[in-house]
Amino acid sequence: MKRSAAATLNLFCLLSTSSTSAFVVVAPNMAYIAATSSNTALFDSRHRQKVASRTAWLEARGGMAGSSSAEATTAAEAGTFTNDGGLEFVRLVHPDSGASSEIYLFGGCVTSFKDGDGTEFIAVRPDAKMDGSKPISGGLSHCWPQFGPGAIQQHGFARNVMWTVEERTDTSVTLQMAPSDYTKAMWDKEFFCTFKVDLESDQLNTNLLVENKGGEAFDFQAALHSYFTVSSLDSLEVTGSFAGKEFLNKLAGDGGEMQTEEREVITITEEYDRVYKQVNDPVLKDAGTGKMLAVLNEAGWEDTVLWNPYGNEGMGYNNFVCVESVKFDPVTLDGGASWEGKMSLKPSAM
């Protein structure tokens, strides 16, 4: 939904408790990686039979993301791989359970997390571009140092730059992002970001560390714009400490309205773009798979955003929901200080 500058300011004022910002308005540099690739399939499996049945299930419903070299690569193999178009990704595989995860260096984006049964929990939209021409529409996408519209490009730049690998094992990878000419052109701050993904036998752990390497303080917002797979929205319930909490419904009124959530169980039956402050314990329950996924926000992530483009077939709306881990109010980070956002995904049977 496009909004005027006044509407955008109104949305921020409704929620933010801070009026300071270190953002500078500079025309963004839209240079990206020029590589051609196809998307990582959401539902590839360690077993060919599961791959075939899941692919048929998706094709009957319009699919979620086309097959790629990531699907063709043996899922039991950990390491660093390159998809058909040249984008590198790291696959983690747990030796005991067979759980796996895939993380693209472009955007530092986690695009897959499967449990030991091969159930996929992270979604990538069928309209996602995996050639570096735009941020990946799906996965655990970084919104940093800005969340939403604002002084710099939408959701900041962390999701459309190349991160580098600092350290990797078969079950963990640590990525880094440092200032470059591209980032300095729009946000000239002395930051250093580290993103660690650690795969346990039965859960996936993430840790975003932001450090101020300079002497002057800067402000930032942060979010994991997390896309999660669902068998269908009709089968989905989202629970947590939502009841009684105020939230910003961005799609109501002129520029959004503050409303009170009366439900204990959230179901998606219309287009959603809602910011729940001080709610950070969501659980997704999918009757279609018989599984649930707890989003464990252990540090830093204070708020939750629910988003779904209900009715948009091109985006594959019926097979995903965004349950985003967010730090909406800007963080003021003094020189030499650091901030951490820790989030884990814990699947289980319903």
Protein backbone atom coordinates (compact mmCIF):
# COMPACT_ATOMS: atom_id res chain seq x y z
CA MET A 1 0.00 0.00 0.00
CA LYS A 2 1.47 3.37 -1.02
CA ARG A 3 1.21 6.15 1.52
CA SER A 4 1.95 9.85 1.50
CA ALA A 5 4.82 11.28 3.54
CA ALA A 6 2.27 12.63 6.02
CA ALA A 7 0.64 9.23 6.43
CA THR A 8 4.03 7.60 6.97
CA LEU A 9 4.89 10.16 9.64
CA ASN A 10 1.51 9.57 11.29
CA LEU A 11 2.15 5.79 11.48
CA PHE A 12 5.51 6.34 13.14
CA CYS A 13 4.13 8.86 15.64
CA LEU A 14 1.33 6.51 16.65
CA LEU A 15 3.82 3.87 17.79
CA SER A 16 7.22 5.37 18.43
CA THR A 17 8.25 6.67 21.83
CA SER A 18 11.35 8.32 20.41
CA SER A 19 11.46 11.41 18.26
CA THR A 20 15.15 11.33 17.39
CA SER A 21 16.63 9.87 14.26
CA ALA A 22 20.08 9.67 12.77
CA PHE A 23 18.85 8.98 9.26
CA VAL A 24 19.98 11.29 6.45
CA VAL A 25 17.94 11.68 3.29
CA VAL A 26 20.17 10.62 0.43
CA ALA A 27 19.06 9.15 -2.88
CA PRO A 28 19.76 5.43 -2.58
CA ASN A 29 22.27 3.68 -4.80
CA MET A 30 20.28 0.95 -6.53
CA ALA A 31 23.27 -1.11 -7.75
CA TYR A 32 22.85 -4.80 -7.09
CA ILE A 33 24.50 -8.05 -7.97
CA ALA A 34 23.94 -8.87 -11.64
CA ALA A 35 23.53 -12.61 -11.52
CA THR A 36 20.74 -14.76 -12.95
CA SER A 37 19.32 -17.51 -10.80
CA SER A 38 16.22 -19.45 -9.95
CA ASN A 39 14.60 -19.68 -6.54
CA THR A 40 15.33 -22.11 -3.75
CA ALA A 41 12.36 -24.48 -3.50
CA LEU A 42 10.50 -24.30 -0.23
CA PHE A 43 9.55 -27.88 0.00
CA ASP A 44 12.55 -29.90 -1.15
CA SER A 45 13.22 -32.94 0.98
CA ARG A 46 15.90 -35.33 1.99
CA HIS A 47 13.91 -38.09 0.32
CA ARG A 48 12.95 -38.07 -3.36
CA GLN A 49 9.48 -39.40 -2.59
CA LYS A 50 8.80 -36.48 -0.26
CA VAL A 51 10.10 -34.06 -2.89
CA ALA A 52 7.78 -35.46 -5.55
CA SER A 53 4.66 -35.53 -3.39
CA ARG A 54 5.25 -32.07 -1.95
CA THR A 55 5.97 -30.60 -5.38
CA ALA A 56 2.72 -32.04 -6.74
CA TRP A 57 0.86 -30.62 -3.75
CA LEU A 58 2.30 -27.16 -4.41
CA GLU A 59 1.72 -27.24 -8.17
CA ALA A 60 -1.94 -28.01 -7.56
CA ARG A 61 -2.13 -24.79 -5.55
CA GLY A 62 0.01 -22.58 -7.72
CA GLY A 63 3.32 -23.34 -6.05
CA MET A 64 5.42 -21.29 -3.65
CA ALA A 65 8.76 -21.06 -5.42
CA GLY A 66 10.18 -22.74 -8.50
CA SER A 67 12.71 -25.53 -8.32
CA SER A 68 16.38 -24.66 -8.40
CA SER A 69 19.85 -26.07 -8.01
CA ALA A 70 19.35 -25.78 -4.27
CA GLU A 71 16.57 -28.36 -4.61
CA ALA A 72 18.74 -30.58 -6.77
CA THR A 73 21.60 -30.56 -4.30
CA THR A 74 21.43 -33.46 -1.86
CA ALA A 75 19.76 -32.08 1.25
CA ALA A 76 21.89 -34.28 3.50
CA GLU A 77 25.03 -32.45 2.39
CA ALA A 78 26.30 -29.49 4.44
CA GLY A 79 28.56 -26.86 2.95
CA THR A 80 28.66 -23.79 0.72
CA PHE A 81 26.90 -24.04 -2.62
CA THR A 82 26.10 -21.87 -5.61
CA ASN A 83 22.67 -21.84 -7.22
CA ASP A 84 22.10 -21.84 -10.98
CA GLY A 85 22.59 -18.07 -11.26
CA GLY A 86 25.70 -17.75 -9.13
CA LEU A 87 24.29 -16.75 -5.73
CA GLU A 88 26.05 -18.48 -2.88
CA PHE A 89 24.23 -20.10 0.01
CA VAL A 90 25.29 -22.11 3.03
CA ARG A 91 23.50 -25.30 3.97
CA LEU A 92 23.58 -26.49 7.58
CA VAL A 93 22.67 -30.09 8.40
CA HIS A 94 22.41 -31.60 11.85
CA PRO A 95 24.09 -35.02 11.93
CA ASP A 96 21.69 -36.56 14.45
CA SER A 97 18.21 -35.39 13.43
CA GLY A 98 18.76 -34.52 9.77
CA ALA A 99 17.30 -31.03 10.35
CA SER A 100 18.64 -28.49 7.88
CA SER A 101 18.79 -24.79 7.08
CA GLU A 102 19.88 -22.68 4.12
CA ILE A 103 21.27 -19.16 4.36
CA TYR A 104 22.00 -16.90 1.38
CA LEU A 105 24.96 -14.53 1.57
CA PHE A 106 22.92 -12.03 -0.44
CA GLY A 107 20.97 -10.23 2.27
CA GLY A 108 22.20 -12.64 4.94
CA CYS A 109 18.81 -14.28 4.45
CA VAL A 110 17.75 -17.62 5.95
CA THR A 111 15.55 -19.16 3.24
CA SER A 112 14.94 -22.63 4.67
CA PHE A 113 14.56 -24.45 7.97
CA LYS A 114 13.39 -28.06 7.96
CA ASP A 115 12.97 -30.31 10.96
CA GLY A 116 14.14 -33.91 11.01
CA ASP A 117 10.92 -35.02 9.29
CA GLY A 118 11.60 -32.74 6.34
CA THR A 119 8.81 -30.27 7.18
CA GLU A 120 9.68 -26.80 5.87
CA PHE A 121 8.88 -23.86 8.13
CA ILE A 122 10.32 -20.88 6.21
CA ALA A 123 8.65 -19.53 3.08
CA VAL A 124 9.95 -17.84 -0.04
CA ARG A 125 7.30 -16.22 -2.21
CA PRO A 126 6.74 -17.54 -5.76
CA ASP A 127 7.38 -14.03 -7.12
CA ALA A 128 10.72 -13.72 -5.31
CA LYS A 129 13.70 -12.58 -7.37
CA MET A 130 16.78 -14.65 -6.59
CA ASP A 131 19.12 -12.82 -8.97
CA GLY A 132 20.13 -9.96 -6.67
CA SER A 133 18.01 -7.44 -8.58
CA LYS A 134 15.92 -6.86 -5.46
CA PRO A 135 15.79 -8.18 -1.88
CA ILE A 136 14.63 -11.77 -1.48
CA SER A 137 10.87 -11.78 -0.91
CA GLY A 138 10.80 -14.38 1.79
CA GLY A 139 12.94 -16.06 4.41
CA LEU A 140 14.13 -14.33 7.56
CA SER A 141 14.83 -11.05 5.80
CA HIS A 142 16.80 -8.33 7.60
CA CYS A 143 15.24 -4.90 7.96
CA TRP A 144 18.15 -2.72 9.11
CA PRO A 145 18.93 0.06 9.94
CA GLN A 146 15.38 1.09 9.12
CA PHE A 147 12.05 -0.72 9.37
CA GLY A 148 9.49 0.27 6.77
CA PRO A 149 9.60 3.56 4.85
CA GLY A 150 11.68 6.47 6.04
CA ALA A 151 14.73 8.58 5.29
CA ILE A 152 16.56 5.84 3.42
CA GLN A 153 15.31 3.02 1.21
CA GLN A 154 12.43 0.80 2.33
CA HIS A 155 13.52 -1.51 5.17
CA GLY A 156 17.12 -0.30 4.94
CA PHE A 157 20.01 -1.89 3.07
CA ALA A 158 20.98 -5.04 5.02
CA ARG A 159 18.69 -7.22 2.92
CA ASN A 160 20.22 -6.25 -0.42
CA VAL A 161 23.97 -6.34 0.19
CA MET A 162 26.37 -9.25 0.24
CA TRP A 163 27.28 -10.50 3.69
CA THR A 164 30.56 -12.36 4.16
CA VAL A 165 31.21 -15.63 5.96
CA GLU A 166 33.28 -15.22 9.12
CA GLU A 167 33.02 -18.81 10.32
CA ARG A 168 31.19 -21.96 9.27
CA THR A 169 30.69 -25.50 10.51
CA ASP A 170 28.18 -28.15 9.44
CA THR A 171 25.66 -26.81 11.98
CA SER A 172 26.43 -23.07 12.25
CA VAL A 173 27.45 -20.07 10.20
CA THR A 174 28.42 -16.54 11.19
CA LEU A 175 27.97 -13.77 8.63
CA GLN A 176 29.29 -10.20 8.72
CA MET A 177 28.19 -6.89 7.23
CA ALA A 178 30.42 -3.81 7.33
CA PRO A 179 30.08 -0.32 5.80
CA SER A 180 30.73 -0.01 2.07
CA ASP A 181 30.58 2.81 -0.45
CA TYR A 182 27.02 1.71 -1.18
CA THR A 183 25.87 1.91 2.45
CA LYS A 184 27.83 5.09 3.22
CA ALA A 185 26.09 6.88 0.36
CA MET A 186 22.82 6.67 2.26
CA TRP A 187 23.84 6.05 5.89
CA ASP A 188 27.39 7.02 6.81
CA LYS A 189 27.75 5.36 10.22
CA GLU A 190 30.54 3.22 11.67
CA PHE A 191 28.56 0.04 12.25
CA PHE A 192 29.47 -3.62 12.20
CA CYS A 193 26.79 -6.34 12.08
CA THR A 194 27.22 -10.03 12.81
CA PHE A 195 24.49 -12.59 12.16
CA LYS A 196 24.93 -16.11 13.54
CA VAL A 197 22.67 -19.02 12.63
CA ASP A 198 23.01 -22.13 14.76
CA LEU A 199 21.17 -25.38 13.96
CA GLU A 200 20.37 -27.67 16.87
CA SER A 201 18.79 -31.08 16.46
CA ASP A 202 15.31 -29.69 17.11
CA GLN A 203 15.46 -25.91 16.64
CA LEU A 204 17.11 -23.04 14.77
CA ASN A 205 18.80 -20.19 16.67
CA THR A 206 19.62 -16.75 15.26
CA ASN A 207 21.60 -13.91 16.80
CA LEU A 208 21.97 -10.44 15.25
CA LEU A 209 24.73 -8.37 16.87
CA VAL A 210 24.98 -4.66 16.02
CA GLU A 211 28.12 -2.80 17.10
CA ASN A 212 28.94 0.90 16.98
CA LYS A 213 32.62 1.02 16.04
CA GLY A 214 32.74 4.82 16.02
CA GLY A 215 32.75 7.55 18.65
CA GLU A 216 29.35 9.08 17.84
CA ALA A 217 25.98 7.58 18.70
CA PHE A 218 23.57 6.52 15.97
CA ASP A 219 19.92 5.42 15.91
CA PHE A 220 18.51 2.38 14.14
CA GLN A 221 15.47 0.14 13.89
CA ALA A 222 15.66 -3.60 13.30
CA ALA A 223 13.43 -6.48 12.28
CA LEU A 224 13.46 -10.00 10.94
CA HIS A 225 10.77 -9.84 8.25
CA SER A 226 10.06 -13.54 8.77
CA TYR A 227 8.00 -15.52 6.24
CA PHE A 228 6.64 -18.83 7.53
CA THR A 229 5.04 -21.58 5.47
CA VAL A 230 1.47 -22.68 6.11
CA SER A 231 -0.50 -25.46 4.46
CA SER A 232 -3.31 -22.90 4.02
CA LEU A 233 -4.53 -19.86 5.92
CA ASP A 234 -7.70 -21.75 6.81
CA SER A 235 -5.54 -24.20 8.76
CA LEU A 236 -3.52 -21.53 10.60
CA GLU A 237 -3.87 -20.11 14.09
CA VAL A 238 -1.44 -17.69 15.72
CA THR A 239 -1.42 -17.58 19.51
CA GLY A 240 0.52 -15.55 22.05
CA SER A 241 -0.07 -12.65 24.43
CA PHE A 242 -2.18 -10.71 21.89
CA ALA A 243 -5.45 -10.43 23.83
CA GLY A 244 -5.98 -7.01 25.38
CA LYS A 245 -2.99 -5.43 23.61
CA GLU A 246 -3.21 -2.30 21.51
CA PHE A 247 -1.95 -2.60 17.96
CA LEU A 248 -1.58 -0.39 14.95
CA ASN A 249 -3.77 -1.54 12.07
CA LYS A 250 -1.98 0.11 9.16
CA LEU A 251 -4.82 -0.69 6.77
CA ALA A 252 -7.58 1.01 8.80
CA GLY A 253 -8.65 4.63 8.51
CA ASP A 254 -6.52 7.32 6.93
CA GLY A 255 -2.94 6.40 7.74
CA GLY A 256 -3.69 3.66 10.26
CA GLU A 257 -5.61 3.31 13.51
CA MET A 258 -4.74 2.13 16.98
CA GLN A 259 -7.06 -0.74 17.94
CA THR A 260 -7.36 -3.23 20.78
CA GLU A 261 -6.99 -6.96 20.12
CA GLU A 262 -9.83 -8.90 21.73
CA ARG A 263 -8.88 -12.34 20.43
CA GLU A 264 -6.60 -14.86 22.07
CA VAL A 265 -6.24 -16.75 18.80
CA ILE A 266 -5.45 -14.85 15.61
CA THR A 267 -6.76 -16.09 12.27
CA ILE A 268 -6.06 -14.47 8.89
CA THR A 269 -9.22 -13.82 6.88
CA GLU A 270 -8.31 -10.49 5.29
CA GLU A 271 -5.27 -8.45 4.32
CA TYR A 272 -3.06 -7.90 7.36
CA ASP A 273 -0.48 -5.27 8.29
CA ARG A 274 -0.59 -4.94 12.07
CA VAL A 275 2.05 -3.88 14.59
CA TYR A 276 1.70 -5.36 18.08
CA LYS A 277 4.05 -3.59 20.48
CA GLN A 278 5.25 -5.50 23.52
CA VAL A 279 4.10 -8.82 22.07
CA ASN A 280 7.01 -11.15 21.32
CA ASP A 281 5.80 -14.68 22.03
CA PRO A 282 3.90 -15.81 18.90
CA VAL A 283 3.21 -19.47 18.16
CA LEU A 284 2.01 -20.68 14.74
CA LYS A 285 -0.28 -23.72 14.73
CA ASP A 286 -0.91 -25.43 11.40
CA ALA A 287 -3.69 -28.02 11.44
CA GLY A 288 -2.72 -29.03 7.90
CA THR A 289 0.70 -30.30 8.96
CA GLY A 290 -0.20 -31.11 12.55
CA LYS A 291 2.77 -29.06 13.70
CA MET A 292 3.35 -25.84 15.57
CA LEU A 293 6.23 -23.38 15.51
CA ALA A 294 7.18 -21.25 18.51
CA VAL A 295 8.97 -18.00 17.69
CA LEU A 296 11.17 -17.53 20.74
CA ASN A 297 12.30 -13.90 20.94
CA GLU A 298 14.85 -14.13 23.71
CA ALA A 299 16.51 -10.69 23.54
CA GLY A 300 16.16 -7.42 21.66
CA TRP A 301 13.04 -8.26 19.67
CA GLU A 302 10.21 -6.61 21.65
CA ASP A 303 7.40 -6.34 19.11
CA THR A 304 5.57 -8.47 16.54
CA VAL A 305 4.22 -7.55 13.11
CA LEU A 306 1.63 -9.72 11.36
CA TRP A 307 1.51 -9.29 7.58
CA ASN A 308 -0.24 -11.10 4.77
CA PRO A 309 -1.33 -9.83 1.32
CA TYR A 310 -4.65 -11.70 1.52
CA GLY A 311 -6.05 -12.51 -1.92
CA ASN A 312 -2.83 -11.86 -3.84
CA GLU A 313 -2.33 -15.07 -5.79
CA GLY A 314 0.89 -13.82 -7.38
CA MET A 315 2.50 -13.57 -3.97
CA GLY A 316 1.17 -16.98 -2.95
CA TYR A 317 -0.74 -15.46 -0.01
CA ASN A 318 -2.43 -18.68 1.04
CA ASN A 319 0.79 -20.55 1.80
CA PHE A 320 2.63 -18.11 4.05
CA VAL A 321 2.24 -15.61 6.83
CA CYS A 322 4.75 -13.04 8.04
CA VAL A 323 5.20 -13.09 11.81
CA GLU A 324 7.99 -10.58 12.19
CA SER A 325 10.36 -10.10 15.12
CA VAL A 326 10.75 -6.34 15.50
CA LYS A 327 12.44 -3.61 17.50
CA PHE A 328 10.18 -0.79 16.41
CA ASP A 329 11.25 2.07 18.67
CA PRO A 330 14.67 3.29 17.49
CA VAL A 331 17.71 2.11 19.42
CA THR A 332 20.26 4.79 20.27
CA LEU A 333 23.63 3.07 20.22
CA ASP A 334 26.51 4.97 21.77
CA GLY A 335 30.04 4.71 20.44
CA GLY A 336 31.58 1.40 21.46
CA ALA A 337 28.22 -0.08 22.49
CA SER A 338 26.37 -3.06 21.04
CA TRP A 339 22.82 -4.43 20.73
CA GLU A 340 21.66 -8.04 20.29
CA GLY A 341 18.52 -9.54 18.81
CA LYS A 342 18.13 -13.23 19.60
CA MET A 343 15.37 -15.33 18.04
CA SER A 344 14.91 -19.11 17.90
CA LEU A 345 12.44 -21.27 15.98
CA LYS A 346 11.19 -24.31 17.89
CA PRO A 347 8.90 -26.74 16.03
CA SER A 348 6.83 -29.42 17.71
CA ALA A 349 3.78 -31.62 17.16
CA MET A 350 0.38 -30.14 17.96
